[in-house]
Amino acid sequence: DNDRYPDGLGLEFVANAGQADWILLKGMHVIAKGTQEKRLISSDFARTGKLSGELKEVLEAAAKKRLPIHCLNPDRVSLQPDGSVAYQPGTLVALYRDMVEGGGRKREVSSKGSSSSSSGSS
């Protein structure tokens, strides 16, 4: 199972960013938070490349605390069999780092997976 990769590592899942020491990011299909139930966070990030809903809230709280993020798969995009692009953990990490750095920069992700930064308020 894709959601069992941390089993046996001695990791303790926590319910919120306030209790976390760091973030472990492996892929986009199983995004979990919480205790042992590993509750899924609904997100269309892999399809859109845009942060929204609960995923955005979790990452904003983590960024406010400046939690380090450990990404096991730094790919930014992948080409799908139907020709569409799926956004991968590396893109999420880039957006998260912008949140941590702040400074009024907003990163936009193009459909080809490249990103650019611009100034202004978000």
Foldseek 3Di string as FASTA:
>chain_A
DVVCVCPPVPDFFAAALVPDQAAEAEKDPADAGHGPVRDGDDDPCQQPVDDDDPRNVRLLSNLVVPHYYHYPDLDQWDQDPVRFITGIPVSVVVQSVCSNVPPQWDWDADRVRDIDIDHHHD
